[in-house]
Protein backbone atom coordinates (compact mmCIF):
# COMPACT_ATOMS: atom_id res chain seq x y z
CA MET A 1 -8.60 32.20 -1.00
CA SER A 2 -11.09 29.38 -1.36
CA VAL A 3 -11.60 26.39 1.04
CA LEU A 4 -12.33 22.84 -0.16
CA ASN A 5 -15.49 22.17 1.77
CA MET A 6 -15.38 18.56 1.72
CA SER A 7 -17.53 16.71 4.43
CA MET A 8 -16.68 13.31 5.44
CA PRO A 9 -18.58 10.27 3.67
CA PRO A 10 -19.55 7.71 5.96
CA VAL A 11 -17.34 4.99 6.54
CA GLU A 12 -18.85 2.43 4.48
CA GLU A 13 -18.46 4.61 1.51
CA ARG A 14 -14.80 5.58 2.16
CA LEU A 15 -14.23 1.74 2.29
CA ASP A 16 -16.52 0.82 -0.61
CA GLY A 17 -13.71 -1.32 -3.11
CA HIS A 18 -16.06 -1.95 -5.80
CA GLY A 19 -14.52 -0.95 -9.34
CA LEU A 20 -11.01 -0.23 -7.83
CA THR A 21 -8.02 -1.76 -9.09
CA ILE A 22 -5.51 -2.26 -6.58
CA GLY A 23 -1.81 -3.39 -7.00
CA ILE A 24 0.27 -5.14 -4.29
CA VAL A 25 4.07 -5.30 -4.30
CA VAL A 26 5.53 -7.72 -1.67
CA ALA A 27 8.93 -8.59 -0.74
CA ARG A 28 9.72 -12.25 -0.42
CA TYR A 29 12.35 -11.80 2.22
CA ASN A 30 10.83 -12.74 5.51
CA TRP A 31 8.14 -14.65 3.71
CA SER A 32 6.59 -15.63 6.92
CA ILE A 33 5.71 -12.21 7.84
CA THR A 34 5.04 -10.69 4.33
CA GLY A 35 3.32 -13.36 3.17
CA ALA A 36 0.82 -13.04 6.42
CA LEU A 37 0.68 -9.42 5.38
CA LEU A 38 -0.69 -10.42 1.93
CA ARG A 39 -3.00 -12.71 2.86
CA LEU A 40 -4.80 -10.53 5.45
CA ALA A 41 -4.87 -7.90 2.62
CA GLN A 42 -6.33 -9.88 -0.16
CA GLU A 43 -9.01 -11.36 2.29
CA GLU A 44 -9.91 -7.58 3.58
CA LEU A 45 -9.92 -6.23 0.09
CA LEU A 46 -12.09 -8.94 -1.39
CA ARG A 47 -14.60 -8.48 1.46
CA LEU A 48 -14.79 -4.47 0.83
CA GLY A 49 -15.41 -5.19 -2.72
CA VAL A 50 -12.16 -5.36 -4.83
CA SER A 51 -12.86 -7.86 -7.69
CA ILE A 52 -10.38 -10.52 -7.60
CA ASP A 53 -9.93 -9.72 -11.38
CA HIS A 54 -8.92 -6.04 -10.21
CA LEU A 55 -6.04 -7.06 -7.90
CA HIS A 56 -2.65 -7.63 -9.07
CA ILE A 57 0.31 -8.92 -7.09
CA VAL A 58 3.82 -8.81 -7.82
CA THR A 59 6.64 -10.31 -5.50
CA VAL A 60 10.15 -8.82 -5.41
CA PRO A 61 13.35 -10.22 -3.50
CA GLY A 62 13.42 -7.85 -0.74
CA SER A 63 12.36 -4.27 0.58
CA TYR A 64 14.98 -2.29 -1.04
CA GLU A 65 13.12 -3.64 -4.46
CA LEU A 66 9.75 -2.37 -3.42
CA PRO A 67 9.97 1.20 -5.11
CA ILE A 68 11.10 0.22 -8.50
CA ALA A 69 8.80 -2.25 -8.86
CA ALA A 70 5.94 -0.14 -7.61
CA ARG A 71 6.92 2.44 -10.25
CA SER A 72 7.11 -0.07 -13.04
CA MET A 73 3.33 -1.04 -12.30
CA LEU A 74 2.24 2.63 -12.32
CA ALA A 75 4.08 2.95 -15.70
CA ASP A 76 2.75 0.00 -17.26
CA GLU A 77 -1.14 0.02 -15.80
CA THR A 78 -3.76 2.19 -14.35
CA PHE A 79 -4.36 1.62 -10.57
CA ASP A 80 -6.25 3.49 -7.99
CA GLY A 81 -3.64 2.37 -5.32
CA LEU A 82 -0.97 0.12 -4.24
CA ILE A 83 0.20 -1.42 -1.41
CA VAL A 84 3.93 -2.34 -0.80
CA PHE A 85 4.77 -5.09 1.83
CA GLY A 86 7.83 -5.69 3.29
CA CYS A 87 9.80 -6.62 6.69
CA VAL A 88 13.18 -5.19 7.88
CA MET A 89 14.56 -6.48 11.19
CA LYS A 90 17.12 -5.17 13.21
CA GLY A 91 20.49 -7.25 12.63
CA GLU A 92 24.04 -6.88 13.79
CA THR A 93 24.78 -4.02 11.45
CA ARG A 94 23.04 -0.83 10.27
CA HIS A 95 21.88 -2.55 6.96
CA ASP A 96 18.23 -2.63 8.19
CA VAL A 97 18.29 1.36 8.62
CA VAL A 98 19.48 1.62 5.12
CA VAL A 99 17.02 -0.57 3.61
CA ALA A 100 14.00 0.70 5.50
CA ASP A 101 14.91 4.22 4.95
CA ALA A 102 15.31 3.43 0.99
CA ALA A 103 12.21 1.74 0.77
CA ALA A 104 10.24 4.57 2.49
CA GLN A 105 11.85 7.34 0.51
CA GLY A 106 11.55 5.46 -2.72
CA ILE A 107 7.92 4.46 -2.22
CA GLN A 108 7.28 8.14 -1.04
CA ARG A 109 8.91 9.71 -4.33
CA VAL A 110 6.86 7.30 -6.69
CA ALA A 111 3.48 7.97 -4.98
CA LEU A 112 4.20 11.75 -5.11
CA ASP A 113 5.38 11.46 -9.08
CA THR A 114 2.48 9.60 -9.93
CA GLY A 115 -0.12 10.83 -7.77
CA VAL A 116 -1.21 7.41 -7.12
CA PRO A 117 -1.59 6.68 -3.47
CA ILE A 118 0.90 4.08 -2.09
CA ILE A 119 0.28 2.36 1.52
CA PHE A 120 3.37 1.68 3.06
CA GLY A 121 3.28 -1.79 4.79
CA VAL A 122 6.97 -2.36 5.60
CA ILE A 123 7.53 -3.68 9.00
CA CYS A 124 10.64 -2.56 10.68
CA ALA A 125 10.92 -4.46 13.89
CA ASN A 126 13.87 -5.19 16.23
CA THR A 127 12.79 -8.92 16.71
CA GLN A 128 10.57 -11.72 14.97
CA GLN A 129 8.01 -11.35 17.88
CA GLN A 130 7.60 -7.82 17.07
CA ALA A 131 7.17 -8.18 13.43
CA GLU A 132 4.51 -11.03 14.02
CA ALA A 133 2.55 -8.61 16.36
CA ARG A 134 2.38 -6.35 13.55
CA ILE A 135 0.98 -8.65 10.75
CA VAL A 136 -2.64 -7.10 11.46
CA ARG A 137 -1.27 -4.30 9.42
CA GLY A 138 -2.25 -6.17 6.26
CA THR A 139 -5.85 -5.54 6.98
CA GLU A 140 -5.29 -1.95 7.80
CA CYS A 141 -3.12 -1.62 4.86
CA ALA A 142 -6.23 -2.66 2.71
CA GLN A 143 -8.92 -0.53 4.47
CA ALA A 144 -6.32 2.43 3.80
CA VAL A 145 -5.53 1.84 0.33
CA VAL A 146 -9.48 1.65 -0.53
CA GLU A 147 -10.08 4.89 1.54
CA MET A 148 -6.99 6.80 -0.23
CA ALA A 149 -8.18 5.63 -3.62
CA ARG A 150 -11.64 6.83 -2.62
CA ILE A 151 -10.36 10.05 -1.42
CA ILE A 152 -8.24 10.66 -4.53
CA ARG A 153 -11.34 10.08 -6.96
CA THR A 154 -13.51 12.55 -5.16
CA LEU A 155 -10.43 15.17 -5.45
CA HIS A 156 -10.32 14.57 -8.93
CA GLU A 157 -13.83 14.49 -9.70
CA ARG A 158 -14.22 17.96 -7.87
CA LYS A 159 -11.79 19.40 -9.84
CA ARG A 160 -13.22 18.09 -13.43
CA ALA A 161 -16.53 19.57 -12.04
CA ARG A 162 -15.01 23.06 -11.71
């Protein structure tokens, strides 16, 4: 059995967005949260070198619709990675659990079926305050999508080199 010897590149290299094409799908429901996540992600992606021309944003009604929009984006164009943003807050019923689970499982399926990394930026919170405290995830998701896109590219290049 062969072990993949993959030394860890420096953080700067893992977070180099130059030449990457990134998609973002963002739910409009709870826009005060999702819009802030989107803004931080856009700022960070541009800071990391992703060209504004290679950044594609689609809005959908809510978090439940994130997987189908992500799947449709990946069917029509080539992306190095996607980020999905949503915000599901606890209500009086279990609806939040159904929506959050459907979004998570749907996105995971799309990522595994397509081989494209999708960063799950859906905040699941009990209160508005908890959701607001997690808005910084917009920056973290941008960093994660760039890092994962680089990892997948490296793995593909190594496979082609064999």
